[in-house]
């Protein structure tokens, strides 16, 4: 397996973004020394509002080729005779370094040529004249770690025995009937908790085999129903709150356990768990699932519903990304359509389907 020497820091540390000045910046780290690169190399987590990303430059990889002779035949080409007597015409631009008996030729050219080369005789050339190059390192693939699951005893204890009236549920009761909210809470096992923050909400990720992959904790404003994002995003996990250091998080779609309720229903996918809950009340003829983040609209997450008819409703600003991903997945046998309804509105990026329907109620 290959990986780059410099990669984004996988810890939870965040720094001030040089572009938007928010503390949402993930720095690049040298995997050999564990030291950070300079503070301009990194990626901002505010993908829609900032999208700053400066990665270390990648050099050109080249391999050492020994030769019997090397002679110029034009301004742009060289005739190379290797040790086996095989003659090749090589563009001068692809020879990065030359000595008396050998030369370094780019990997790109060699892969499309008949020249033999040894894979262990390679190096990177920094053609951009910077102080370092993000070179690829060969690493051993670690054995896969089995995913961890929460017990149903934990869910039952939090959902039934230690009930907490979370802010999100109270907000929903102001918008919908108590019966509608109660059914939604039962359908998705919406759980109030005082873990991490008072009156927060747990969104359980339960798969189609009734295995509990995760409990995502988020805090909402009681009156607006919006997530608390200041002074930082109020998001955490049950396994961290219960101090399970060996818990191997392997997420699944929120609401995935519901797909077995009705095999004839179309599955609708949104990003936000809250949106899935609200839409299950407003449009119950769909089975509503949520990815939990824009980046989770991907094969690994959607694989359990590959054979189902799927319609996705990306947030404002994400339509093209989800459309591209759906096109890739459909080529693999999925049946996904992507709605541009929210993309066609004049609302700001991040506006979603629930926001749209709730705004209609407020008219």
Protein backbone atom coordinates (compact mmCIF):
# COMPACT_ATOMS: atom_id res chain seq x y z
CA UNK A 1 0.00 0.00 0.00
CA UNK A 2 1.18 3.55 -0.71
CA UNK A 3 0.63 6.76 1.22
CA UNK A 4 2.05 10.25 1.00
CA UNK A 5 4.66 11.39 3.47
CA UNK A 6 2.66 14.53 4.28
CA UNK A 7 -1.00 14.03 5.16
CA UNK A 8 -3.76 15.91 6.94
CA UNK A 9 -3.58 15.53 10.71
CA UNK A 10 -6.06 12.86 11.81
CA UNK A 11 -6.33 14.16 15.37
CA UNK A 12 -9.09 16.49 16.53
CA UNK A 13 -6.78 19.52 16.71
CA UNK A 14 -7.95 22.58 14.78
CA UNK A 15 -6.12 25.82 14.03
CA UNK A 16 -7.05 29.26 12.71
CA UNK A 17 -7.66 29.18 8.96
CA UNK A 18 -5.46 31.71 7.09
CA UNK A 19 -8.36 32.43 4.75
CA UNK A 20 -11.50 32.77 6.92
CA UNK A 21 -9.86 33.22 10.37
CA UNK A 22 -12.08 30.54 11.92
CA UNK A 23 -10.62 27.82 14.14
CA UNK A 24 -11.54 25.11 11.63
CA UNK A 25 -8.16 24.50 9.99
CA UNK A 26 -6.54 21.04 9.81
CA UNK A 27 -2.78 21.18 9.28
CA UNK A 28 -0.63 18.83 7.24
CA UNK A 29 1.72 16.67 9.27
CA UNK A 30 5.00 14.97 8.39
CA UNK A 31 4.28 11.27 9.03
CA UNK A 32 7.98 10.57 9.55
CA UNK A 33 8.62 13.20 12.22
CA UNK A 34 5.04 13.90 13.42
CA UNK A 35 5.77 17.62 13.08
CA UNK A 36 3.35 20.05 11.48
CA UNK A 37 4.25 21.79 8.24
CA UNK A 38 4.03 25.59 8.09
CA UNK A 39 0.62 26.97 9.02
CA UNK A 40 -0.43 27.75 5.45
CA UNK A 41 -0.46 24.07 4.48
CA UNK A 42 -3.80 22.59 5.47
CA UNK A 43 -7.50 22.34 4.77
CA UNK A 44 -10.42 24.31 6.20
CA UNK A 45 -13.38 22.23 7.43
CA UNK A 46 -15.80 24.91 6.27
CA UNK A 47 -16.12 23.30 2.85
CA UNK A 48 -18.96 25.48 1.59
CA UNK A 49 -18.17 28.82 3.20
CA UNK A 50 -14.38 28.84 2.89
CA UNK A 51 -13.00 25.80 1.02
CA UNK A 52 -9.35 26.81 1.55
CA UNK A 53 -6.99 23.90 0.85
CA UNK A 54 -3.27 24.15 0.28
CA UNK A 55 -1.55 20.79 -0.08
CA UNK A 56 2.20 20.09 -0.20
CA UNK A 57 3.40 19.92 -3.81
CA UNK A 58 3.77 16.49 -5.36
CA UNK A 59 7.04 15.88 -7.16
CA UNK A 60 7.52 13.81 -10.27
CA UNK A 61 8.41 10.20 -9.56
CA UNK A 62 11.19 8.79 -11.74
CA UNK A 63 13.03 5.49 -12.10
CA UNK A 64 16.71 4.83 -12.73
CA UNK A 65 17.44 3.48 -16.22
CA UNK A 66 20.93 2.23 -17.09
CA UNK A 67 21.93 2.53 -20.75
CA UNK A 68 24.58 1.59 -23.26
CA UNK A 69 24.19 4.83 -25.14
CA UNK A 70 22.15 8.00 -25.07
CA UNK A 71 22.16 10.45 -27.96
CA UNK A 72 20.12 13.45 -28.98
CA UNK A 73 18.22 13.13 -32.25
CA UNK A 74 16.29 16.43 -32.10
CA UNK A 75 15.51 19.36 -29.84
CA UNK A 76 12.78 17.33 -28.18
CA UNK A 77 13.86 13.66 -28.31
CA UNK A 78 16.69 11.34 -27.30
CA UNK A 79 17.55 7.85 -28.56
CA UNK A 80 18.22 5.51 -25.64
CA UNK A 81 19.79 2.05 -25.98
CA UNK A 82 19.32 0.08 -22.76
CA UNK A 83 21.56 -2.71 -21.40
CA UNK A 84 19.63 -5.29 -23.42
CA UNK A 85 20.25 -3.42 -26.64
CA UNK A 86 16.65 -2.26 -26.94
CA UNK A 87 16.34 1.15 -28.59
CA UNK A 88 13.69 3.65 -27.41
CA UNK A 89 12.92 7.22 -28.42
CA UNK A 90 12.36 9.24 -25.24
CA UNK A 91 11.09 12.85 -25.01
CA UNK A 92 13.73 15.05 -23.39
CA UNK A 93 11.07 16.44 -21.05
CA UNK A 94 10.71 12.98 -19.47
CA UNK A 95 14.41 12.62 -18.59
CA UNK A 96 14.79 14.46 -15.29
CA UNK A 97 18.45 13.70 -14.56
CA UNK A 98 21.31 12.17 -16.52
CA UNK A 99 24.78 10.85 -15.69
CA UNK A 100 27.42 8.96 -17.69
CA UNK A 101 25.82 5.51 -17.56
CA UNK A 102 22.25 6.03 -16.42
CA UNK A 103 19.38 8.49 -16.26
CA UNK A 104 16.15 9.11 -14.39
CA UNK A 105 12.97 8.83 -16.50
CA UNK A 106 9.49 9.76 -15.28
CA UNK A 107 7.13 7.08 -14.05
CA UNK A 108 4.39 8.44 -16.32
CA UNK A 109 6.47 7.80 -19.44
CA UNK A 110 7.84 4.41 -18.36
CA UNK A 111 4.39 3.03 -17.64
CA UNK A 112 3.45 3.71 -21.25
CA UNK A 113 6.69 2.41 -22.76
CA UNK A 114 8.51 -0.91 -23.31
CA UNK A 115 11.54 0.12 -21.24
CA UNK A 116 12.25 -2.26 -18.34
CA UNK A 117 12.89 -0.70 -14.94
CA UNK A 118 13.26 -1.76 -11.31
CA UNK A 119 10.50 -0.53 -9.00
CA UNK A 120 12.90 -0.20 -6.04
CA UNK A 121 15.15 2.27 -7.85
CA UNK A 122 13.04 5.41 -7.77
CA UNK A 123 13.08 8.94 -6.41
CA UNK A 124 11.07 12.16 -6.59
CA UNK A 125 12.09 15.30 -8.41
CA UNK A 126 10.88 18.62 -7.11
CA UNK A 127 10.15 20.54 -10.28
CA UNK A 128 8.42 23.42 -8.47
CA UNK A 129 11.55 24.58 -6.65
CA UNK A 130 10.08 24.38 -3.18
CA UNK A 131 11.74 23.10 -0.07
CA UNK A 132 9.93 19.76 0.13
CA UNK A 133 7.90 17.36 -1.99
CA UNK A 134 5.00 15.18 -0.90
CA UNK A 135 6.49 11.85 -1.85
CA UNK A 136 4.74 8.51 -1.75
CA UNK A 137 5.83 6.00 0.87
CA UNK A 138 5.30 2.25 0.74
CA UNK A 139 3.59 1.04 3.90
CA UNK A 140 2.24 -2.26 5.10
CA UNK A 141 -1.52 -2.45 5.12
CA UNK A 142 -2.61 -3.05 8.73
CA UNK A 143 -5.08 -5.86 9.30
CA UNK A 144 -8.69 -4.65 9.27
CA UNK A 145 -10.14 -3.84 12.67
CA UNK A 146 -13.62 -5.18 13.33
CA UNK A 147 -16.27 -2.48 13.82
CA UNK A 148 -17.61 -1.90 17.30
CA UNK A 149 -21.29 -1.86 18.21
CA UNK A 150 -23.24 -0.46 21.13
CA UNK A 151 -25.45 -2.82 23.11
CA UNK A 152 -29.23 -2.62 23.02
CA UNK A 153 -29.07 -2.49 26.80
CA UNK A 154 -27.37 0.90 26.54
CA UNK A 155 -29.99 2.17 24.08
CA UNK A 156 -32.85 0.91 26.24
CA UNK A 157 -31.35 2.47 29.35
CA UNK A 158 -30.98 5.87 27.69
CA UNK A 159 -34.22 5.75 25.68
CA UNK A 160 -36.62 4.20 28.21
CA UNK A 161 -35.16 4.36 31.71
CA UNK A 162 -33.28 7.66 31.83
CA UNK A 163 -35.52 9.75 29.60
CA UNK A 164 -34.46 13.33 28.92
CA UNK A 165 -36.64 15.87 27.11
CA UNK A 166 -34.09 17.16 24.63
CA UNK A 167 -34.31 20.57 22.95
CA UNK A 168 -34.87 19.19 19.46
CA UNK A 169 -37.89 17.12 20.47
CA UNK A 170 -39.41 20.09 22.29
CA UNK A 171 -38.89 22.23 19.20
CA UNK A 172 -40.60 19.63 16.99
CA UNK A 173 -43.60 19.58 19.33
CA UNK A 174 -44.09 23.27 18.55
CA UNK A 175 -44.23 22.52 14.80
CA UNK A 176 -46.10 19.21 14.72
CA UNK A 177 -48.65 17.30 16.78
CA UNK A 178 -47.53 15.30 19.80
CA UNK A 179 -48.60 12.08 18.08
CA UNK A 180 -46.51 12.88 14.99
CA UNK A 181 -43.46 13.69 17.07
CA UNK A 182 -43.94 10.62 19.26
CA UNK A 183 -44.09 8.34 16.20
CA UNK A 184 -40.94 9.93 14.75
CA UNK A 185 -39.14 9.45 18.08
CA UNK A 186 -40.11 5.78 18.07
CA UNK A 187 -39.23 5.25 14.41
CA UNK A 188 -35.71 6.64 14.86
CA UNK A 189 -35.16 6.01 18.61
CA UNK A 190 -34.54 9.73 19.16
CA UNK A 191 -32.98 9.98 22.61
CA UNK A 192 -32.43 12.93 24.91
CA UNK A 193 -29.25 13.02 26.95
CA UNK A 194 -27.21 15.20 29.26
CA UNK A 195 -23.98 13.67 27.99
CA UNK A 196 -21.59 16.42 26.85
CA UNK A 197 -24.27 19.17 26.96
CA UNK A 198 -27.59 19.53 28.74
CA UNK A 199 -30.71 18.44 26.85
CA UNK A 200 -28.81 17.25 23.80
CA UNK A 201 -30.04 14.73 21.23
CA UNK A 202 -28.66 11.29 20.38
CA UNK A 203 -29.11 10.05 16.82
CA UNK A 204 -28.55 6.30 16.86
CA UNK A 205 -27.06 4.75 13.73
CA UNK A 206 -28.69 1.32 13.55
CA UNK A 207 -28.21 -0.82 10.45
CA UNK A 208 -30.60 -3.14 8.60
CA UNK A 209 -29.41 -6.04 10.78
CA UNK A 210 -30.28 -4.07 13.94
CA UNK A 211 -26.67 -3.53 14.94
CA UNK A 212 -26.02 -0.19 16.67
CA UNK A 213 -23.02 1.37 14.95
CA UNK A 214 -22.94 4.69 16.77
CA UNK A 215 -24.74 7.28 18.82
CA UNK A 216 -24.15 10.79 17.51
CA UNK A 217 -24.72 13.52 20.10
CA UNK A 218 -25.75 16.99 18.96
CA UNK A 219 -27.17 20.02 20.74
CA UNK A 220 -29.96 22.18 19.32
CA UNK A 221 -31.54 25.50 20.19
CA UNK A 222 -34.86 24.92 21.93
CA UNK A 223 -36.67 27.72 20.07
CA UNK A 224 -35.12 27.78 16.58
CA UNK A 225 -34.35 24.10 16.14
CA UNK A 226 -30.91 25.05 14.82
CA UNK A 227 -27.70 23.29 15.81
CA UNK A 228 -25.49 25.01 18.36
CA UNK A 229 -22.31 25.93 16.47
CA UNK A 230 -20.82 28.65 18.66
CA UNK A 231 -18.29 28.91 20.11
CA UNK A 232 -17.75 25.50 18.44
CA UNK A 233 -19.81 22.78 16.78
CA UNK A 234 -21.62 20.84 19.50
CA UNK A 235 -21.13 17.34 18.07
CA UNK A 236 -19.83 14.28 19.93
CA UNK A 237 -20.32 10.52 20.17
CA UNK A 238 -21.78 8.23 22.80
CA UNK A 239 -18.70 5.99 22.83
CA UNK A 240 -16.58 9.03 23.73
CA UNK A 241 -19.02 10.20 26.38
CA UNK A 242 -19.06 6.72 27.95
CA UNK A 243 -15.25 6.54 27.70
CA UNK A 244 -14.79 3.54 25.43
CA UNK A 245 -11.26 4.15 24.06
CA UNK A 246 -11.16 0.91 22.05
CA UNK A 247 -14.47 1.57 20.28
CA UNK A 248 -13.91 1.33 16.51
CA UNK A 249 -16.42 3.69 14.93
CA UNK A 250 -17.83 2.40 11.64
CA UNK A 251 -20.79 4.54 10.65
CA UNK A 252 -23.93 3.57 8.77
CA UNK A 253 -26.80 5.63 7.39
CA UNK A 254 -29.06 7.17 10.01
CA UNK A 255 -32.42 5.38 9.80
CA UNK A 256 -31.02 2.34 7.98
CA UNK A 257 -32.91 0.02 10.33
CA UNK A 258 -36.16 1.28 8.78
CA UNK A 259 -35.51 -0.05 5.27
CA UNK A 260 -36.98 -3.43 6.20
CA UNK A 261 -40.35 -1.90 7.11
CA UNK A 262 -41.61 -1.74 3.52
CA UNK A 263 -39.67 -3.08 0.53
CA UNK A 264 -41.96 -1.26 -1.90
CA UNK A 265 -41.24 2.24 -0.61
CA UNK A 266 -38.68 4.47 -2.27
CA UNK A 267 -35.80 5.47 -0.03
CA UNK A 268 -35.12 9.21 0.31
CA UNK A 269 -31.70 10.40 1.45
CA UNK A 270 -30.78 13.77 2.95
CA UNK A 271 -27.70 14.96 4.79
CA UNK A 272 -29.11 16.00 8.17
CA UNK A 273 -30.61 13.62 10.71
CA UNK A 274 -33.03 16.33 11.80
CA UNK A 275 -34.17 16.76 8.21
CA UNK A 276 -34.81 13.02 7.85
CA UNK A 277 -36.98 13.10 10.98
CA UNK A 278 -38.98 16.14 9.86
CA UNK A 279 -39.49 14.79 6.35
CA UNK A 280 -40.67 11.44 7.74
CA UNK A 281 -43.55 13.40 9.28
CA UNK A 282 -44.27 15.53 6.21
CA UNK A 283 -43.80 12.92 3.46
CA UNK A 284 -44.24 9.49 5.05
CA UNK A 285 -44.60 7.70 1.70
CA UNK A 286 -40.77 7.67 1.59
CA UNK A 287 -38.40 5.93 3.99
CA UNK A 288 -36.13 8.78 5.07
CA UNK A 289 -32.43 8.23 5.78
CA UNK A 290 -29.56 10.64 6.44
CA UNK A 291 -25.86 10.50 5.66
CA UNK A 292 -24.94 12.68 8.64
CA UNK A 293 -22.43 14.62 6.54
CA UNK A 294 -22.06 15.58 2.89
CA UNK A 295 -19.00 13.32 2.55
CA UNK A 296 -20.93 10.22 3.65
CA UNK A 297 -22.88 10.10 0.39
CA UNK A 298 -20.63 7.28 -0.86
CA UNK A 299 -20.51 3.61 -1.78
CA UNK A 300 -19.61 2.23 1.64
CA UNK A 301 -22.57 3.93 3.29
CA UNK A 302 -25.11 3.24 0.54
CA UNK A 303 -24.11 -0.36 -0.19
CA UNK A 304 -26.86 -1.91 2.03
CA UNK A 305 -29.57 -0.20 -0.09
CA UNK A 306 -28.02 -0.85 -3.50
CA UNK A 307 -31.05 -2.78 -4.78
CA UNK A 308 -33.59 -0.16 -3.70
CA UNK A 309 -34.98 2.81 -5.59
CA UNK A 310 -33.32 5.89 -4.10
CA UNK A 311 -33.97 9.61 -4.45
CA UNK A 312 -31.51 12.02 -2.84
CA UNK A 313 -32.08 15.62 -1.79
CA UNK A 314 -28.70 17.37 -1.38
CA UNK A 315 -28.38 20.62 0.53
CA UNK A 316 -28.04 23.87 -1.38
CA UNK A 317 -24.53 23.98 -2.84
CA UNK A 318 -24.00 20.22 -2.86
CA UNK A 319 -26.11 19.26 -5.87
CA UNK A 320 -23.24 18.84 -8.34
CA UNK A 321 -21.15 16.82 -5.88
CA UNK A 322 -24.00 14.42 -5.13
CA UNK A 323 -24.93 14.20 -8.81
CA UNK A 324 -21.37 13.22 -9.71
CA UNK A 325 -21.29 10.60 -6.95
CA UNK A 326 -24.72 9.24 -7.93
CA UNK A 327 -23.53 8.90 -11.53
CA UNK A 328 -20.55 6.84 -10.32
CA UNK A 329 -22.75 4.66 -8.13
CA UNK A 330 -25.38 4.12 -10.82
CA UNK A 331 -22.62 2.75 -13.06
CA UNK A 332 -22.11 0.12 -10.34
CA UNK A 333 -25.76 -0.91 -10.32
CA UNK A 334 -27.39 1.60 -7.96
CA UNK A 335 -30.67 3.31 -8.86
CA UNK A 336 -30.22 6.84 -7.51
CA UNK A 337 -31.89 10.01 -8.73
CA UNK A 338 -30.77 13.42 -7.46
CA UNK A 339 -33.27 16.21 -6.90
CA UNK A 340 -32.23 19.75 -7.82
CA UNK A 341 -35.25 21.29 -6.08
CA UNK A 342 -33.22 22.96 -3.32
CA UNK A 343 -30.42 23.93 -5.70
CA UNK A 344 -32.91 25.95 -7.75
CA UNK A 345 -33.90 28.13 -4.78
CA UNK A 346 -32.35 31.50 -3.95
CA UNK A 347 -31.45 30.48 -0.41
CA UNK A 348 -27.87 30.43 0.87
CA UNK A 349 -25.62 27.37 0.79
CA UNK A 350 -26.47 24.82 3.46
CA UNK A 351 -30.23 25.38 3.14
CA UNK A 352 -31.94 21.98 3.04
CA UNK A 353 -35.23 20.24 2.34
CA UNK A 354 -36.63 20.61 5.86
CA UNK A 355 -35.78 24.32 5.85
CA UNK A 356 -37.76 24.63 2.62
CA UNK A 357 -40.89 22.89 3.89
CA UNK A 358 -40.80 24.66 7.25
CA UNK A 359 -40.50 28.01 5.46
CA UNK A 360 -43.69 27.16 3.56
CA UNK A 361 -45.45 26.49 6.87
CA UNK A 362 -44.41 29.93 8.09
CA UNK A 363 -45.99 31.75 5.14
